[in-house]
Every structure is written in structure tokens, then in C-alpha cells.
mmCIF file of all heavy atoms, coordinates in Angstrom:
data_MODEL
# 
_entry.id   MODEL 
# 
loop_
_atom_site.group_PDB 
_atom_site.id 
_atom_site.type_symbol 
_atom_site.label_atom_id 
_atom_site.label_alt_id 
_atom_site.label_comp_id 
_atom_site.label_asym_id 
_atom_site.label_entity_id 
_atom_site.label_seq_id 
_atom_site.pdbx_PDB_ins_code 
_atom_site.Cartn_x 
_atom_site.Cartn_y 
_atom_site.Cartn_z 
_atom_site.occupancy 
_atom_site.B_iso_or_equiv 
_atom_site.pdbx_formal_charge 
_atom_site.auth_seq_id 
_atom_site.auth_comp_id 
_atom_site.auth_asym_id 
_atom_site.auth_atom_id 
_atom_site.pdbx_PDB_model_num 
ATOM 1   N N   . ASN A 1 1  ? 3.388  -6.110  1.362   1.00 0.00 ? 1  ASN A N   1 
ATOM 2   C CA  . ASN A 1 1  ? 3.713  -6.161  -0.059  1.00 0.00 ? 1  ASN A CA  1 
ATOM 3   C C   . ASN A 1 1  ? 3.374  -4.818  -0.759  1.00 0.00 ? 1  ASN A C   1 
ATOM 4   O O   . ASN A 1 1  ? 2.688  -4.021  -0.165  1.00 0.00 ? 1  ASN A O   1 
ATOM 5   C CB  . ASN A 1 1  ? 2.990  -7.359  -0.728  1.00 0.00 ? 1  ASN A CB  1 
ATOM 6   C CG  . ASN A 1 1  ? 1.455  -7.136  -0.804  1.00 0.00 ? 1  ASN A CG  1 
ATOM 7   O OD1 . ASN A 1 1  ? 0.932  -6.227  -0.250  1.00 0.00 ? 1  ASN A OD1 1 
ATOM 8   N ND2 . ASN A 1 1  ? 0.793  -8.012  -1.539  1.00 0.00 ? 1  ASN A ND2 1 
ATOM 9   N N   . ILE A 1 2  ? 3.920  -4.665  -1.936  1.00 0.00 ? 2  ILE A N   1 
ATOM 10  C CA  . ILE A 1 2  ? 3.672  -3.504  -2.758  1.00 0.00 ? 2  ILE A CA  1 
ATOM 11  C C   . ILE A 1 2  ? 3.170  -3.991  -4.112  1.00 0.00 ? 2  ILE A C   1 
ATOM 12  O O   . ILE A 1 2  ? 3.792  -4.871  -4.705  1.00 0.00 ? 2  ILE A O   1 
ATOM 13  C CB  . ILE A 1 2  ? 4.912  -2.639  -2.903  1.00 0.00 ? 2  ILE A CB  1 
ATOM 14  C CG1 . ILE A 1 2  ? 5.387  -2.122  -1.521  1.00 0.00 ? 2  ILE A CG1 1 
ATOM 15  C CG2 . ILE A 1 2  ? 4.652  -1.451  -3.839  1.00 0.00 ? 2  ILE A CG2 1 
ATOM 16  C CD1 . ILE A 1 2  ? 6.729  -1.397  -1.546  1.00 0.00 ? 2  ILE A CD1 1 
ATOM 17  N N   . ALA A 1 3  ? 2.083  -3.421  -4.594  1.00 0.00 ? 3  ALA A N   1 
ATOM 18  C CA  . ALA A 1 3  ? 1.505  -3.849  -5.882  1.00 0.00 ? 3  ALA A CA  1 
ATOM 19  C C   . ALA A 1 3  ? 1.174  -2.608  -6.674  1.00 0.00 ? 3  ALA A C   1 
ATOM 20  O O   . ALA A 1 3  ? 0.764  -1.569  -6.140  1.00 0.00 ? 3  ALA A O   1 
ATOM 21  C CB  . ALA A 1 3  ? 0.292  -4.688  -5.643  1.00 0.00 ? 3  ALA A CB  1 
ATOM 22  N N   . LYS A 1 4  ? 1.281  -2.726  -7.972  1.00 0.00 ? 4  LYS A N   1 
ATOM 23  C CA  . LYS A 1 4  ? 0.899  -1.672  -8.890  1.00 0.00 ? 4  LYS A CA  1 
ATOM 24  C C   . LYS A 1 4  ? -0.481 -1.980  -9.432  1.00 0.00 ? 4  LYS A C   1 
ATOM 25  O O   . LYS A 1 4  ? -0.687 -3.030  -9.978  1.00 0.00 ? 4  LYS A O   1 
ATOM 26  C CB  . LYS A 1 4  ? 1.914  -1.539  -10.052 1.00 0.00 ? 4  LYS A CB  1 
ATOM 27  C CG  . LYS A 1 4  ? 1.486  -0.592  -11.145 1.00 0.00 ? 4  LYS A CG  1 
ATOM 28  C CD  . LYS A 1 4  ? 2.263  0.670   -11.016 1.00 0.00 ? 4  LYS A CD  1 
ATOM 29  C CE  . LYS A 1 4  ? 2.038  1.545   -12.255 1.00 0.00 ? 4  LYS A CE  1 
ATOM 30  N NZ  . LYS A 1 4  ? 1.251  2.669   -11.978 1.00 0.00 ? 4  LYS A NZ  1 
ATOM 31  N N   . LEU A 1 5  ? -1.379 -1.031  -9.242  1.00 0.00 ? 5  LEU A N   1 
ATOM 32  C CA  . LEU A 1 5  ? -2.728 -1.192  -9.804  1.00 0.00 ? 5  LEU A CA  1 
ATOM 33  C C   . LEU A 1 5  ? -2.673 -0.889  -11.286 1.00 0.00 ? 5  LEU A C   1 
ATOM 34  O O   . LEU A 1 5  ? -1.957 0.045   -11.694 1.00 0.00 ? 5  LEU A O   1 
ATOM 35  C CB  . LEU A 1 5  ? -3.718 -0.290  -9.126  1.00 0.00 ? 5  LEU A CB  1 
ATOM 36  C CG  . LEU A 1 5  ? -3.979 -0.528  -7.655  1.00 0.00 ? 5  LEU A CG  1 
ATOM 37  C CD1 . LEU A 1 5  ? -4.941 0.503   -7.087  1.00 0.00 ? 5  LEU A CD1 1 
ATOM 38  C CD2 . LEU A 1 5  ? -4.542 -1.934  -7.418  1.00 0.00 ? 5  LEU A CD2 1 
ATOM 39  N N   . PRO A 1 6  ? -3.401 -1.599  -12.145 1.00 0.00 ? 6  PRO A N   1 
ATOM 40  C CA  . PRO A 1 6  ? -3.365 -1.272  -13.589 1.00 0.00 ? 6  PRO A CA  1 
ATOM 41  C C   . PRO A 1 6  ? -3.794 0.190   -13.800 1.00 0.00 ? 6  PRO A C   1 
ATOM 42  O O   . PRO A 1 6  ? -4.855 0.613   -13.372 1.00 0.00 ? 6  PRO A O   1 
ATOM 43  C CB  . PRO A 1 6  ? -4.418 -2.215  -14.149 1.00 0.00 ? 6  PRO A CB  1 
ATOM 44  C CG  . PRO A 1 6  ? -4.528 -3.325  -13.156 1.00 0.00 ? 6  PRO A CG  1 
ATOM 45  C CD  . PRO A 1 6  ? -4.265 -2.707  -11.819 1.00 0.00 ? 6  PRO A CD  1 
ATOM 46  N N   . GLY A 1 7  ? -2.887 0.948   -14.372 1.00 0.00 ? 7  GLY A N   1 
ATOM 47  C CA  . GLY A 1 7  ? -3.193 2.384   -14.640 1.00 0.00 ? 7  GLY A CA  1 
ATOM 48  C C   . GLY A 1 7  ? -3.262 3.223   -13.371 1.00 0.00 ? 7  GLY A C   1 
ATOM 49  O O   . GLY A 1 7  ? -3.712 4.360   -13.439 1.00 0.00 ? 7  GLY A O   1 
ATOM 50  N N   . GLY A 1 8  ? -2.831 2.704   -12.230 1.00 0.00 ? 8  GLY A N   1 
ATOM 51  C CA  . GLY A 1 8  ? -2.935 3.441   -11.010 1.00 0.00 ? 8  GLY A CA  1 
ATOM 52  C C   . GLY A 1 8  ? -1.569 3.493   -10.251 1.00 0.00 ? 8  GLY A C   1 
ATOM 53  O O   . GLY A 1 8  ? -0.566 3.132   -10.766 1.00 0.00 ? 8  GLY A O   1 
ATOM 54  N N   . PRO A 1 9  ? -1.678 3.961   -9.029  1.00 0.00 ? 9  PRO A N   1 
ATOM 55  C CA  . PRO A 1 9  ? -0.466 4.086   -8.228  1.00 0.00 ? 9  PRO A CA  1 
ATOM 56  C C   . PRO A 1 9  ? -0.013 2.773   -7.650  1.00 0.00 ? 9  PRO A C   1 
ATOM 57  O O   . PRO A 1 9  ? -0.670 1.751   -7.661  1.00 0.00 ? 9  PRO A O   1 
ATOM 58  C CB  . PRO A 1 9  ? -0.887 5.057   -7.114  1.00 0.00 ? 9  PRO A CB  1 
ATOM 59  C CG  . PRO A 1 9  ? -2.342 4.667   -6.913  1.00 0.00 ? 9  PRO A CG  1 
ATOM 60  C CD  . PRO A 1 9  ? -2.834 4.362   -8.302  1.00 0.00 ? 9  PRO A CD  1 
ATOM 61  N N   . LEU A 1 10 ? 1.188  2.840   -6.985  1.00 0.00 ? 10 LEU A N   1 
ATOM 62  C CA  . LEU A 1 10 ? 1.664  1.731   -6.158  1.00 0.00 ? 10 LEU A CA  1 
ATOM 63  C C   . LEU A 1 10 ? 0.867  1.710   -4.844  1.00 0.00 ? 10 LEU A C   1 
ATOM 64  O O   . LEU A 1 10 ? 0.749  2.792   -4.262  1.00 0.00 ? 10 LEU A O   1 
ATOM 65  C CB  . LEU A 1 10 ? 3.133  1.882   -5.862  1.00 0.00 ? 10 LEU A CB  1 
ATOM 66  C CG  . LEU A 1 10 ? 4.105  1.704   -6.991  1.00 0.00 ? 10 LEU A CG  1 
ATOM 67  C CD1 . LEU A 1 10 ? 5.513  2.081   -6.496  1.00 0.00 ? 10 LEU A CD1 1 
ATOM 68  C CD2 . LEU A 1 10 ? 4.125  0.300   -7.509  1.00 0.00 ? 10 LEU A CD2 1 
ATOM 69  N N   . LEU A 1 11 ? 0.376  0.563   -4.446  1.00 0.00 ? 11 LEU A N   1 
ATOM 70  C CA  . LEU A 1 11 ? -0.292 0.470   -3.149  1.00 0.00 ? 11 LEU A CA  1 
ATOM 71  C C   . LEU A 1 11 ? 0.522  -0.486  -2.282  1.00 0.00 ? 11 LEU A C   1 
ATOM 72  O O   . LEU A 1 11 ? 0.933  -1.577  -2.755  1.00 0.00 ? 11 LEU A O   1 
ATOM 73  C CB  . LEU A 1 11 ? -1.734 -0.053  -3.277  1.00 0.00 ? 11 LEU A CB  1 
ATOM 74  C CG  . LEU A 1 11 ? -2.759 0.882   -3.807  1.00 0.00 ? 11 LEU A CG  1 
ATOM 75  C CD1 . LEU A 1 11 ? -4.133 0.275   -3.766  1.00 0.00 ? 11 LEU A CD1 1 
ATOM 76  C CD2 . LEU A 1 11 ? -2.782 2.218   -3.053  1.00 0.00 ? 11 LEU A CD2 1 
ATOM 77  N N   . ALA A 1 12 ? 0.726  -0.066  -1.046  1.00 0.00 ? 12 ALA A N   1 
ATOM 78  C CA  . ALA A 1 12 ? 1.399  -0.944  -0.086  1.00 0.00 ? 12 ALA A CA  1 
ATOM 79  C C   . ALA A 1 12 ? 0.414  -1.436  0.937   1.00 0.00 ? 12 ALA A C   1 
ATOM 80  O O   . ALA A 1 12 ? -0.392 -0.644  1.455   1.00 0.00 ? 12 ALA A O   1 
ATOM 81  C CB  . ALA A 1 12 ? 2.538  -0.163  0.601   1.00 0.00 ? 12 ALA A CB  1 
ATOM 82  N N   . ARG A 1 13 ? 0.468  -2.715  1.201   1.00 0.00 ? 13 ARG A N   1 
ATOM 83  C CA  . ARG A 1 13 ? -0.343 -3.283  2.311   1.00 0.00 ? 13 ARG A CA  1 
ATOM 84  C C   . ARG A 1 13 ? 0.574  -3.176  3.502   1.00 0.00 ? 13 ARG A C   1 
ATOM 85  O O   . ARG A 1 13 ? 1.701  -3.671  3.511   1.00 0.00 ? 13 ARG A O   1 
ATOM 86  C CB  . ARG A 1 13 ? -0.754 -4.678  2.049   1.00 0.00 ? 13 ARG A CB  1 
ATOM 87  C CG  . ARG A 1 13 ? -1.756 -5.177  3.091   1.00 0.00 ? 13 ARG A CG  1 
ATOM 88  C CD  . ARG A 1 13 ? -2.459 -6.423  2.606   1.00 0.00 ? 13 ARG A CD  1 
ATOM 89  N NE  . ARG A 1 13 ? -1.599 -7.484  2.227   1.00 0.00 ? 13 ARG A NE  1 
ATOM 90  C CZ  . ARG A 1 13 ? -1.405 -8.614  2.897   1.00 0.00 ? 13 ARG A CZ  1 
ATOM 91  N NH1 . ARG A 1 13 ? -2.076 -8.876  3.972   1.00 0.00 ? 13 ARG A NH1 1 
ATOM 92  N NH2 . ARG A 1 13 ? -0.560 -9.514  2.442   1.00 0.00 ? 13 ARG A NH2 1 
ATOM 93  N N   . VAL A 1 14 ? 0.139  -2.473  4.595   1.00 0.00 ? 14 VAL A N   1 
ATOM 94  C CA  . VAL A 1 14 ? 0.970  -2.230  5.735   1.00 0.00 ? 14 VAL A CA  1 
ATOM 95  C C   . VAL A 1 14 ? 0.275  -2.693  7.023   1.00 0.00 ? 14 VAL A C   1 
ATOM 96  O O   . VAL A 1 14 ? -0.940 -2.665  7.151   1.00 0.00 ? 14 VAL A O   1 
ATOM 97  C CB  . VAL A 1 14 ? 1.365  -0.707  5.861   1.00 0.00 ? 14 VAL A CB  1 
ATOM 98  C CG1 . VAL A 1 14 ? 2.186  -0.297  4.643   1.00 0.00 ? 14 VAL A CG1 1 
ATOM 99  C CG2 . VAL A 1 14 ? 0.138  0.164   6.031   1.00 0.00 ? 14 VAL A CG2 1 
ATOM 100 N N   . ARG A 1 15 ? 1.125  -3.064  7.980   1.00 0.00 ? 15 ARG A N   1 
ATOM 101 C CA  . ARG A 1 15 ? 0.683  -3.380  9.341   1.00 0.00 ? 15 ARG A CA  1 
ATOM 102 C C   . ARG A 1 15 ? 1.347  -2.376  10.281  1.00 0.00 ? 15 ARG A C   1 
ATOM 103 O O   . ARG A 1 15 ? 2.518  -2.034  10.129  1.00 0.00 ? 15 ARG A O   1 
ATOM 104 C CB  . ARG A 1 15 ? 1.125  -4.776  9.731   1.00 0.00 ? 15 ARG A CB  1 
ATOM 105 C CG  . ARG A 1 15 ? 0.446  -5.886  8.994   1.00 0.00 ? 15 ARG A CG  1 
ATOM 106 C CD  . ARG A 1 15 ? 0.908  -7.231  9.533   1.00 0.00 ? 15 ARG A CD  1 
ATOM 107 N NE  . ARG A 1 15 ? 0.316  -8.296  8.747   1.00 0.00 ? 15 ARG A NE  1 
ATOM 108 C CZ  . ARG A 1 15 ? 0.990  -9.262  8.207   1.00 0.00 ? 15 ARG A CZ  1 
ATOM 109 N NH1 . ARG A 1 15 ? 2.265  -9.412  8.388   1.00 0.00 ? 15 ARG A NH1 1 
ATOM 110 N NH2 . ARG A 1 15 ? 0.363  -10.165 7.440   1.00 0.00 ? 15 ARG A NH2 1 
ATOM 111 N N   . THR A 1 16 ? 0.577  -1.935  11.269  1.00 0.00 ? 16 THR A N   1 
ATOM 112 C CA  . THR A 1 16 ? 1.102  -1.042  12.272  1.00 0.00 ? 16 THR A CA  1 
ATOM 113 C C   . THR A 1 16 ? 0.678  -1.603  13.634  1.00 0.00 ? 16 THR A C   1 
ATOM 114 O O   . THR A 1 16 ? -0.101 -2.518  13.710  1.00 0.00 ? 16 THR A O   1 
ATOM 115 C CB  . THR A 1 16 ? 0.524  0.408   12.098  1.00 0.00 ? 16 THR A CB  1 
ATOM 116 O OG1 . THR A 1 16 ? -0.846 0.399   12.559  1.00 0.00 ? 16 THR A OG1 1 
ATOM 117 C CG2 . THR A 1 16 ? 0.622  0.918   10.684  1.00 0.00 ? 16 THR A CG2 1 
ATOM 118 N N   . ARG A 1 17 ? 1.119  -0.943  14.710  1.00 0.00 ? 17 ARG A N   1 
ATOM 119 C CA  . ARG A 1 17 ? 0.712  -1.359  16.061  1.00 0.00 ? 17 ARG A CA  1 
ATOM 120 C C   . ARG A 1 17 ? -0.757 -1.123  16.281  1.00 0.00 ? 17 ARG A C   1 
ATOM 121 O O   . ARG A 1 17 ? -1.332 -1.626  17.199  1.00 0.00 ? 17 ARG A O   1 
ATOM 122 C CB  . ARG A 1 17 ? 1.551  -0.625  17.118  1.00 0.00 ? 17 ARG A CB  1 
ATOM 123 C CG  . ARG A 1 17 ? 2.933  -1.156  17.266  1.00 0.00 ? 17 ARG A CG  1 
ATOM 124 C CD  . ARG A 1 17 ? 3.665  -0.413  18.343  1.00 0.00 ? 17 ARG A CD  1 
ATOM 125 N NE  . ARG A 1 17 ? 4.312  0.710   17.739  1.00 0.00 ? 17 ARG A NE  1 
ATOM 126 C CZ  . ARG A 1 17 ? 4.760  1.746   18.375  1.00 0.00 ? 17 ARG A CZ  1 
ATOM 127 N NH1 . ARG A 1 17 ? 4.631  1.857   19.630  1.00 0.00 ? 17 ARG A NH1 1 
ATOM 128 N NH2 . ARG A 1 17 ? 5.357  2.753   17.705  1.00 0.00 ? 17 ARG A NH2 1 
ATOM 129 N N   . ILE A 1 18 ? -1.375 -0.269  15.460  1.00 0.00 ? 18 ILE A N   1 
ATOM 130 C CA  . ILE A 1 18 ? -2.744 0.114   15.672  1.00 0.00 ? 18 ILE A CA  1 
ATOM 131 C C   . ILE A 1 18 ? -3.704 -0.399  14.565  1.00 0.00 ? 18 ILE A C   1 
ATOM 132 O O   . ILE A 1 18 ? -4.896 -0.015  14.580  1.00 0.00 ? 18 ILE A O   1 
ATOM 133 C CB  . ILE A 1 18 ? -2.931 1.587   15.961  1.00 0.00 ? 18 ILE A CB  1 
ATOM 134 C CG1 . ILE A 1 18 ? -2.431 2.417   14.755  1.00 0.00 ? 18 ILE A CG1 1 
ATOM 135 C CG2 . ILE A 1 18 ? -2.270 2.013   17.221  1.00 0.00 ? 18 ILE A CG2 1 
ATOM 136 C CD1 . ILE A 1 18 ? -2.694 3.905   14.855  1.00 0.00 ? 18 ILE A CD1 1 
ATOM 137 N N   . GLY A 1 19 ? -3.216 -1.212  13.648  1.00 0.00 ? 19 GLY A N   1 
ATOM 138 C CA  . GLY A 1 19 ? -4.069 -1.757  12.654  1.00 0.00 ? 19 GLY A CA  1 
ATOM 139 C C   . GLY A 1 19 ? -3.381 -1.895  11.311  1.00 0.00 ? 19 GLY A C   1 
ATOM 140 O O   . GLY A 1 19 ? -2.221 -1.592  11.158  1.00 0.00 ? 19 GLY A O   1 
ATOM 141 N N   . ASP A 1 20 ? -4.116 -2.408  10.327  1.00 0.00 ? 20 ASP A N   1 
ATOM 142 C CA  . ASP A 1 20 ? -3.635 -2.689  8.965   1.00 0.00 ? 20 ASP A CA  1 
ATOM 143 C C   . ASP A 1 20 ? -4.499 -1.997  7.959   1.00 0.00 ? 20 ASP A C   1 
ATOM 144 O O   . ASP A 1 20 ? -5.687 -1.837  8.134   1.00 0.00 ? 20 ASP A O   1 
ATOM 145 C CB  . ASP A 1 20 ? -3.713 -4.179  8.700   1.00 0.00 ? 20 ASP A CB  1 
ATOM 146 C CG  . ASP A 1 20 ? -3.048 -5.041  9.775   1.00 0.00 ? 20 ASP A CG  1 
ATOM 147 O OD1 . ASP A 1 20 ? -2.283 -4.533  10.546  1.00 0.00 ? 20 ASP A OD1 1 
ATOM 148 O OD2 . ASP A 1 20 ? -3.359 -6.247  9.785   1.00 0.00 ? 20 ASP A OD2 1 
ATOM 149 N N   . THR A 1 21 ? -3.851 -1.647  6.801   1.00 0.00 ? 21 THR A N   1 
ATOM 150 C CA  . THR A 1 21 ? -4.587 -1.109  5.706   1.00 0.00 ? 21 THR A CA  1 
ATOM 151 C C   . THR A 1 21 ? -3.698 -1.138  4.473   1.00 0.00 ? 21 THR A C   1 
ATOM 152 O O   . THR A 1 21 ? -2.551 -1.648  4.503   1.00 0.00 ? 21 THR A O   1 
ATOM 153 C CB  . THR A 1 21 ? -5.038 0.385   5.953   1.00 0.00 ? 21 THR A CB  1 
ATOM 154 O OG1 . THR A 1 21 ? -6.018 0.763   4.974   1.00 0.00 ? 21 THR A OG1 1 
ATOM 155 C CG2 . THR A 1 21 ? -3.934 1.375   5.998   1.00 0.00 ? 21 THR A CG2 1 
ATOM 156 N N   . SER A 1 22 ? -4.245 -0.631  3.350   1.00 0.00 ? 22 SER A N   1 
ATOM 157 C CA  . SER A 1 22 ? -3.478 -0.452  2.105   1.00 0.00 ? 22 SER A CA  1 
ATOM 158 C C   . SER A 1 22 ? -3.533 1.030   1.786   1.00 0.00 ? 22 SER A C   1 
ATOM 159 O O   . SER A 1 22 ? -4.596 1.638   1.842   1.00 0.00 ? 22 SER A O   1 
ATOM 160 C CB  . SER A 1 22 ? -4.037 -1.268  0.991   1.00 0.00 ? 22 SER A CB  1 
ATOM 161 O OG  . SER A 1 22 ? -3.918 -2.628  1.265   1.00 0.00 ? 22 SER A OG  1 
ATOM 162 N N   . VAL A 1 23 ? -2.381 1.586   1.363   1.00 0.00 ? 23 VAL A N   1 
ATOM 163 C CA  . VAL A 1 23 ? -2.266 3.005   1.038   1.00 0.00 ? 23 VAL A CA  1 
ATOM 164 C C   . VAL A 1 23 ? -1.246 3.145   -0.086  1.00 0.00 ? 23 VAL A C   1 
ATOM 165 O O   . VAL A 1 23 ? -0.482 2.274   -0.409  1.00 0.00 ? 23 VAL A O   1 
ATOM 166 C CB  . VAL A 1 23 ? -1.868 3.868   2.273   1.00 0.00 ? 23 VAL A CB  1 
ATOM 167 C CG1 . VAL A 1 23 ? -2.990 3.927   3.277   1.00 0.00 ? 23 VAL A CG1 1 
ATOM 168 C CG2 . VAL A 1 23 ? -0.638 3.324   2.898   1.00 0.00 ? 23 VAL A CG2 1 
ATOM 169 N N   . ARG A 1 24 ? -1.265 4.397   -0.675  1.00 0.00 ? 24 ARG A N   1 
ATOM 170 C CA  . ARG A 1 24 ? -0.325 4.676   -1.752  1.00 0.00 ? 24 ARG A CA  1 
ATOM 171 C C   . ARG A 1 24 ? 1.135  4.678   -1.225  1.00 0.00 ? 24 ARG A C   1 
ATOM 172 O O   . ARG A 1 24 ? 1.410  5.322   -0.187  1.00 0.00 ? 24 ARG A O   1 
ATOM 173 C CB  . ARG A 1 24 ? -0.659 6.057   -2.392  1.00 0.00 ? 24 ARG A CB  1 
ATOM 174 C CG  . ARG A 1 24 ? 0.027  6.255   -3.745  1.00 0.00 ? 24 ARG A CG  1 
ATOM 175 C CD  . ARG A 1 24 ? -0.489 7.479   -4.445  1.00 0.00 ? 24 ARG A CD  1 
ATOM 176 N NE  . ARG A 1 24 ? 0.079  8.655   -3.885  1.00 0.00 ? 24 ARG A NE  1 
ATOM 177 C CZ  . ARG A 1 24 ? -0.632 9.642   -3.297  1.00 0.00 ? 24 ARG A CZ  1 
ATOM 178 N NH1 . ARG A 1 24 ? -1.922 9.585   -3.220  1.00 0.00 ? 24 ARG A NH1 1 
ATOM 179 N NH2 . ARG A 1 24 ? -0.025 10.694  -2.818  1.00 0.00 ? 24 ARG A NH2 1 
ATOM 180 N N   . TRP A 1 25 ? 2.012  4.025   -1.925  1.00 0.00 ? 25 TRP A N   1 
ATOM 181 C CA  . TRP A 1 25 ? 3.425  3.933   -1.557  1.00 0.00 ? 25 TRP A CA  1 
ATOM 182 C C   . TRP A 1 25 ? 4.185  4.982   -2.397  1.00 0.00 ? 25 TRP A C   1 
ATOM 183 O O   . TRP A 1 25 ? 4.171  4.931   -3.616  1.00 0.00 ? 25 TRP A O   1 
ATOM 184 C CB  . TRP A 1 25 ? 3.982  2.563   -1.803  1.00 0.00 ? 25 TRP A CB  1 
ATOM 185 C CG  . TRP A 1 25 ? 5.374  2.371   -1.474  1.00 0.00 ? 25 TRP A CG  1 
ATOM 186 C CD1 . TRP A 1 25 ? 6.410  2.212   -2.376  1.00 0.00 ? 25 TRP A CD1 1 
ATOM 187 C CD2 . TRP A 1 25 ? 5.950  2.310   -0.177  1.00 0.00 ? 25 TRP A CD2 1 
ATOM 188 N NE1 . TRP A 1 25 ? 7.575  2.047   -1.683  1.00 0.00 ? 25 TRP A NE1 1 
ATOM 189 C CE2 . TRP A 1 25 ? 7.358  2.119   -0.345  1.00 0.00 ? 25 TRP A CE2 1 
ATOM 190 C CE3 . TRP A 1 25 ? 5.504  2.427   1.128   1.00 0.00 ? 25 TRP A CE3 1 
ATOM 191 C CZ2 . TRP A 1 25 ? 8.260  2.004   0.727   1.00 0.00 ? 25 TRP A CZ2 1 
ATOM 192 C CZ3 . TRP A 1 25 ? 6.342  2.308   2.181   1.00 0.00 ? 25 TRP A CZ3 1 
ATOM 193 C CH2 . TRP A 1 25 ? 7.716  2.102   2.019   1.00 0.00 ? 25 TRP A CH2 1 
ATOM 194 N N   . CYS A 1 26 ? 4.900  5.881   -1.714  1.00 0.00 ? 26 CYS A N   1 
ATOM 195 C CA  . CYS A 1 26 ? 5.695  6.915   -2.443  1.00 0.00 ? 26 CYS A CA  1 
ATOM 196 C C   . CYS A 1 26 ? 7.183  6.710   -2.264  1.00 0.00 ? 26 CYS A C   1 
ATOM 197 O O   . CYS A 1 26 ? 7.935  7.616   -2.433  1.00 0.00 ? 26 CYS A O   1 
ATOM 198 C CB  . CYS A 1 26 ? 5.229  8.303   -1.919  1.00 0.00 ? 26 CYS A CB  1 
ATOM 199 S SG  . CYS A 1 26 ? 3.555  8.674   -2.341  1.00 0.00 ? 26 CYS A SG  1 
ATOM 200 N N   . GLY A 1 27 ? 7.552  5.477   -1.969  1.00 0.00 ? 27 GLY A N   1 
ATOM 201 C CA  . GLY A 1 27 ? 8.987  5.142   -1.853  1.00 0.00 ? 27 GLY A CA  1 
ATOM 202 C C   . GLY A 1 27 ? 9.425  4.381   -3.066  1.00 0.00 ? 27 GLY A C   1 
ATOM 203 O O   . GLY A 1 27 ? 8.823  4.424   -4.120  1.00 0.00 ? 27 GLY A O   1 
# 
């Protein structure tokens, strides 16, 4: 999913073959 933090950037929750995290989405 992609969520906008109040007053902040878009963060994407991502899954990869080596783990999961949330990071800034620039798409």
C-alpha cells in the first residue's frame, strides 16, 4: 500500500525476496 503521512511524504509498504519495510515512494 501507499499512504501519505500528514505533512510528510508518501510512504510505500513493500515486500521483497529479502524482507519487508516502508520507504518513501517517488512514483
